[in-house]
Amino acid sequence: MYIGKSILVYTFMLTTYVAGDMFNQINAFRLDAEPVVKGKPFDYQKDPAVSRLLVGNNQWVDRTNAQDPSYFSKLAQGQDPKVLWIGCSDSREAVQSITGTGPGDVFVHRNIGNVFYENDLNMYSVLEYTIEHLKINHIVVVGHTHCGAVKAALARKSLGSIDNWLRKIQNVYSDYRTNLDAIKDQTTRETVVSVLNAKQTVENIARTPVLQKAWSQGKNITLHTWLFDIDSGRILDAKFSVAGAGDLDTTAKWEVGTVGGH
């Protein structure tokens, strides 16, 4: 570590006592090296994009209290969702609105393109928490039409750091390339990729140690593949569910087909 005109070398494994002046030097170096973040009040009147959220919250609280004065006190006692929703970060996939549910009903995890990577600690934490502690019974992986992640993945244009994230979707396209290239309409092709991508995420989650352990313990957990059709507002069932380790043997038999309703 370089401080001023002197060189400070230390090994905490060999040091049992560090003098106070050394800590001061280290702290001074840190403050000099790191940008200082200074928070200050924000004038929300300047930007309705955020101020309307606070106004909307106040209105929602007032309406809710008028309908049920004990609602928030009951909500504060805990949550008991039976469904884990894994969806896309797209702002149009507003889970509570499109499912008619409320706070505490569905545990939600979202990322760009609703994909799953084997080294995704965030996703693993969500899976373990919801399965081991919340005792959920269903995991729904929900793709959607007009997905920006799918469009970007198929376009194969560099967008920066997100390129690596989209690789899963590109791999899905490669796996089904012959069938997908036969679809002439671009929007239809993107929709099919959205379904296939959600299906792939279901398969990947089903193979995780977390799910394998849960099924081996006899826990009742089913994974579902859904598509949110933005044009109609409907959630469509892709008819590809996995309810146990034995179902993994059949995943390869699923083919590109029509996504049906409930």
Protein backbone atom coordinates (compact mmCIF):
# COMPACT_ATOMS: atom_id res chain seq x y z
CA MET A 1 0.00 0.00 0.00
CA TYR A 2 1.38 3.42 -0.95
CA ILE A 3 0.71 6.38 1.33
CA GLY A 4 2.23 9.74 0.46
CA LYS A 5 5.98 9.32 -0.01
CA SER A 6 6.27 6.27 2.19
CA ILE A 7 5.46 2.63 1.65
CA LEU A 8 3.42 0.83 4.25
CA VAL A 9 3.65 -2.96 4.23
CA TYR A 10 1.70 -5.05 6.69
CA THR A 11 0.47 -8.61 7.06
CA PHE A 12 -2.52 -9.08 9.34
CA MET A 13 -1.78 -12.79 9.66
CA LEU A 14 1.47 -11.92 11.43
CA THR A 15 0.34 -8.82 13.29
CA THR A 16 -1.27 -9.05 16.71
CA TYR A 17 -1.37 -5.32 17.41
CA VAL A 18 -1.86 -2.42 15.02
CA ALA A 19 -1.11 1.03 16.33
CA GLY A 20 -3.77 3.69 16.19
CA ASP A 21 -1.72 5.94 13.92
CA MET A 22 -1.52 3.11 11.38
CA PHE A 23 -5.31 2.86 11.35
CA ASN A 24 -5.44 6.61 10.83
CA GLN A 25 -3.10 6.33 7.87
CA ILE A 26 -5.12 3.50 6.37
CA ASN A 27 -8.35 5.44 6.81
CA ALA A 28 -6.80 8.57 5.32
CA PHE A 29 -5.66 6.58 2.30
CA ARG A 30 -9.13 5.06 1.90
CA LEU A 31 -10.83 8.44 2.02
CA ASP A 32 -8.36 9.81 -0.51
CA ALA A 33 -8.78 6.84 -2.84
CA GLU A 34 -12.57 6.45 -2.69
CA PRO A 35 -15.05 9.03 -3.91
CA VAL A 36 -17.02 10.46 -1.02
CA VAL A 37 -20.77 9.97 -1.29
CA LYS A 38 -22.67 12.82 0.29
CA GLY A 39 -26.41 12.41 0.53
CA LYS A 40 -28.81 15.32 0.59
CA PRO A 41 -32.58 15.87 0.47
CA PHE A 42 -34.18 15.63 -2.96
CA ASP A 43 -36.80 18.09 -4.18
CA TYR A 44 -39.45 15.70 -5.46
CA GLN A 45 -41.50 18.56 -6.87
CA LYS A 46 -38.92 18.84 -9.63
CA ASP A 47 -39.62 15.42 -11.09
CA PRO A 48 -43.11 13.87 -11.20
CA ALA A 49 -41.61 10.54 -12.32
CA VAL A 50 -40.73 9.80 -8.70
CA SER A 51 -43.06 12.13 -6.82
CA ARG A 52 -46.13 10.40 -8.25
CA LEU A 53 -44.93 7.14 -6.70
CA LEU A 54 -45.03 8.66 -3.23
CA VAL A 55 -48.40 10.26 -3.92
CA GLY A 56 -49.72 6.95 -5.21
CA ASN A 57 -48.46 5.17 -2.12
CA ASN A 58 -50.27 7.59 0.18
CA GLN A 59 -53.48 7.15 -1.78
CA TRP A 60 -53.14 3.35 -1.67
CA VAL A 61 -52.57 3.39 2.09
CA ASP A 62 -55.61 5.60 2.63
CA ARG A 63 -57.84 3.37 0.47
CA THR A 64 -56.58 0.21 2.13
CA ASN A 65 -57.05 1.54 5.65
CA ALA A 66 -60.57 2.67 4.76
CA GLN A 67 -61.44 -0.85 3.58
CA ASP A 68 -59.61 -2.74 6.32
CA PRO A 69 -58.11 -0.77 9.25
CA SER A 70 -56.21 -3.86 10.43
CA TYR A 71 -54.71 -4.72 7.02
CA PHE A 72 -51.18 -3.47 7.63
CA SER A 73 -50.95 -4.79 11.16
CA LYS A 74 -51.86 -8.24 9.81
CA LEU A 75 -49.42 -7.87 6.91
CA ALA A 76 -46.63 -7.04 9.36
CA GLN A 77 -47.10 -10.40 11.10
CA GLY A 78 -45.43 -12.24 8.21
CA GLN A 79 -45.82 -13.70 4.74
CA ASP A 80 -47.06 -17.09 3.60
CA PRO A 81 -46.78 -17.26 -0.20
CA LYS A 82 -47.19 -20.62 -1.89
CA VAL A 83 -45.80 -19.48 -5.24
CA LEU A 84 -42.38 -18.23 -6.30
CA TRP A 85 -42.61 -16.13 -9.46
CA ILE A 86 -39.44 -15.90 -11.54
CA GLY A 87 -39.96 -13.34 -14.26
CA CYS A 88 -38.39 -10.66 -16.38
CA SER A 89 -37.47 -7.22 -15.06
CA ASP A 90 -39.59 -5.59 -17.78
CA SER A 91 -41.75 -2.92 -16.13
CA ARG A 92 -44.83 -4.22 -17.94
CA GLU A 93 -44.68 -7.51 -16.05
CA ALA A 94 -46.26 -6.10 -12.90
CA VAL A 95 -46.95 -9.30 -11.00
CA GLN A 96 -49.61 -8.14 -8.55
CA SER A 97 -51.53 -6.25 -11.22
CA ILE A 98 -51.61 -9.01 -13.83
CA THR A 99 -52.41 -11.77 -11.33
CA GLY A 100 -54.90 -9.92 -9.15
CA THR A 101 -52.86 -10.66 -6.04
CA GLY A 102 -51.71 -8.49 -3.16
CA PRO A 103 -48.71 -8.07 -0.86
CA GLY A 104 -47.68 -11.36 0.72
CA ASP A 105 -49.38 -13.57 -1.88
CA VAL A 106 -46.50 -14.22 -4.30
CA PHE A 107 -42.75 -14.20 -3.71
CA VAL A 108 -41.18 -12.48 -6.70
CA HIS A 109 -37.70 -12.71 -8.22
CA ARG A 110 -36.98 -10.94 -11.49
CA ASN A 111 -34.02 -10.37 -13.75
CA ILE A 112 -33.42 -9.37 -17.35
CA GLY A 113 -34.79 -12.17 -19.51
CA ASN A 114 -35.82 -14.45 -16.60
CA VAL A 115 -32.67 -16.53 -17.05
CA PHE A 116 -30.76 -18.71 -14.60
CA TYR A 117 -27.01 -19.14 -14.37
CA GLU A 118 -25.44 -21.90 -12.33
CA ASN A 119 -23.26 -19.37 -10.47
CA ASP A 120 -26.13 -16.98 -9.72
CA LEU A 121 -25.95 -16.67 -5.93
CA ASN A 122 -28.92 -14.32 -5.96
CA MET A 123 -31.18 -16.90 -7.56
CA TYR A 124 -29.85 -19.72 -5.40
CA SER A 125 -30.56 -17.68 -2.27
CA VAL A 126 -34.13 -17.05 -3.42
CA LEU A 127 -34.69 -20.74 -4.19
CA GLU A 128 -33.32 -21.92 -0.87
CA TYR A 129 -35.18 -19.31 1.17
CA THR A 130 -38.54 -19.88 -0.47
CA ILE A 131 -38.27 -23.68 -0.42
CA GLU A 132 -36.68 -24.23 2.98
CA HIS A 133 -38.25 -21.39 4.95
CA LEU A 134 -41.41 -20.21 3.19
CA LYS A 135 -42.39 -23.75 2.15
CA ILE A 136 -43.63 -22.80 -1.31
CA ASN A 137 -45.33 -25.42 -3.50
CA HIS A 138 -44.99 -23.85 -6.94
CA ILE A 139 -42.33 -22.06 -8.97
CA VAL A 140 -43.55 -20.31 -12.10
CA VAL A 141 -41.03 -19.10 -14.67
CA VAL A 142 -42.72 -16.43 -16.74
CA GLY A 143 -41.48 -15.14 -20.06
CA HIS A 144 -43.37 -12.47 -21.95
CA THR A 145 -44.03 -11.25 -25.47
CA HIS A 146 -42.12 -8.28 -26.91
CA CYS A 147 -39.22 -9.07 -24.58
CA GLY A 148 -36.31 -6.66 -25.02
CA ALA A 149 -33.83 -9.25 -23.80
CA VAL A 150 -34.97 -11.74 -26.43
CA LYS A 151 -34.87 -9.09 -29.16
CA ALA A 152 -31.34 -8.10 -28.17
CA ALA A 153 -30.17 -11.70 -27.95
CA LEU A 154 -31.46 -12.53 -31.43
CA ALA A 155 -30.06 -9.32 -32.93
CA ARG A 156 -26.59 -10.25 -31.62
CA LYS A 157 -25.50 -6.63 -31.44
CA SER A 158 -23.07 -5.68 -28.69
CA LEU A 159 -24.79 -3.82 -25.86
CA GLY A 160 -21.92 -3.88 -23.38
CA SER A 161 -21.79 -5.91 -20.19
CA ILE A 162 -25.28 -7.28 -20.78
CA ASP A 163 -23.95 -9.34 -23.70
CA ASN A 164 -22.69 -12.03 -21.33
CA TRP A 165 -26.04 -12.14 -19.54
CA LEU A 166 -27.93 -12.69 -22.80
CA ARG A 167 -25.80 -15.67 -23.77
CA LYS A 168 -28.30 -18.09 -22.22
CA ILE A 169 -31.01 -16.85 -24.56
CA GLN A 170 -28.67 -17.05 -27.54
CA ASN A 171 -27.90 -20.65 -26.60
CA VAL A 172 -31.62 -21.41 -26.57
CA TYR A 173 -31.89 -20.04 -30.10
CA SER A 174 -28.93 -22.17 -31.20
CA ASP A 175 -30.50 -25.32 -29.73
CA TYR A 176 -33.72 -24.83 -31.73
CA ARG A 177 -32.27 -22.93 -34.67
CA THR A 178 -33.67 -25.13 -37.44
CA ASN A 179 -37.25 -24.84 -36.19
CA LEU A 180 -36.93 -21.17 -35.30
CA ASP A 181 -35.47 -20.12 -38.65
CA ALA A 182 -38.47 -21.73 -40.32
CA ILE A 183 -40.72 -19.16 -38.59
CA LYS A 184 -40.86 -16.23 -41.01
CA ASP A 185 -42.60 -13.69 -38.79
CA GLN A 186 -40.05 -12.05 -36.51
CA THR A 187 -42.51 -11.29 -33.70
CA THR A 188 -43.74 -14.88 -33.67
CA ARG A 189 -40.17 -16.15 -33.64
CA GLU A 190 -39.33 -13.91 -30.66
CA THR A 191 -42.41 -15.14 -28.80
CA VAL A 192 -41.43 -18.77 -29.33
CA VAL A 193 -37.91 -18.00 -28.09
CA SER A 194 -39.43 -16.39 -24.99
CA VAL A 195 -41.29 -19.62 -24.26
CA LEU A 196 -38.25 -21.80 -24.96
CA ASN A 197 -36.12 -19.58 -22.75
CA ALA A 198 -38.60 -19.88 -19.87
CA LYS A 199 -38.66 -23.65 -20.40
CA GLN A 200 -34.87 -23.75 -20.28
CA THR A 201 -34.89 -21.84 -16.99
CA VAL A 202 -37.36 -24.37 -15.58
CA GLU A 203 -35.03 -27.20 -16.60
CA ASN A 204 -31.99 -25.47 -15.13
CA ILE A 205 -33.74 -24.82 -11.82
CA ALA A 206 -35.03 -28.39 -11.69
CA ARG A 207 -31.46 -29.67 -11.88
CA THR A 208 -30.18 -27.55 -8.99
CA PRO A 209 -29.12 -29.25 -5.74
CA VAL A 210 -31.77 -27.18 -3.95
CA LEU A 211 -34.64 -28.71 -5.94
CA GLN A 212 -33.11 -32.17 -6.03
CA LYS A 213 -32.79 -32.13 -2.24
CA ALA A 214 -36.35 -30.88 -1.78
CA TRP A 215 -37.79 -33.61 -3.99
CA SER A 216 -35.69 -36.29 -2.32
CA GLN A 217 -37.23 -35.18 0.99
CA GLY A 218 -40.71 -35.60 -0.44
CA LYS A 219 -41.52 -31.90 -0.70
CA ASN A 220 -44.36 -31.07 -3.05
CA ILE A 221 -42.90 -28.53 -5.47
CA THR A 222 -43.91 -28.11 -9.10
CA LEU A 223 -42.22 -25.87 -11.66
CA HIS A 224 -44.33 -24.30 -14.40
CA THR A 225 -43.56 -22.56 -17.71
CA TRP A 226 -45.77 -19.55 -18.46
CA LEU A 227 -45.92 -16.73 -20.97
CA PHE A 228 -47.38 -13.29 -20.28
CA ASP A 229 -48.97 -12.10 -23.52
CA ILE A 230 -48.76 -8.33 -23.32
CA ASP A 231 -51.06 -7.85 -26.33
CA SER A 232 -53.97 -9.53 -24.55
CA GLY A 233 -52.90 -9.25 -20.92
CA ARG A 234 -53.36 -13.00 -20.54
CA ILE A 235 -50.99 -15.42 -18.84
CA LEU A 236 -50.66 -18.51 -21.03
CA ASP A 237 -49.61 -21.95 -19.87
CA ALA A 238 -46.85 -23.45 -22.05
CA LYS A 239 -47.84 -26.90 -20.78
CA PHE A 240 -44.37 -27.79 -19.56
CA SER A 241 -44.22 -28.52 -15.84
CA VAL A 242 -41.74 -30.46 -13.72
CA ALA A 243 -42.99 -32.02 -10.49
CA GLY A 244 -40.07 -34.20 -9.49
CA ALA A 245 -36.66 -35.54 -10.38
CA GLY A 246 -38.25 -38.23 -12.54
CA ASP A 247 -39.67 -35.62 -14.90
CA LEU A 248 -36.19 -34.53 -15.95
CA ASP A 249 -35.92 -37.59 -18.19
CA THR A 250 -38.73 -36.23 -20.36
CA THR A 251 -37.50 -32.67 -20.85
CA ALA A 252 -35.72 -33.41 -24.12
CA LYS A 253 -38.96 -34.69 -25.66
CA TRP A 254 -40.67 -31.31 -25.51
CA GLU A 255 -40.84 -29.63 -28.90
CA VAL A 256 -41.75 -26.24 -30.28
CA GLY A 257 -45.52 -26.02 -30.27
CA THR A 258 -48.50 -23.80 -29.63
CA VAL A 259 -48.75 -22.06 -26.30
CA GLY A 260 -52.21 -22.63 -24.92
CA GLY A 261 -54.45 -20.92 -22.42
CA HIS A 262 -55.54 -22.22 -19.04
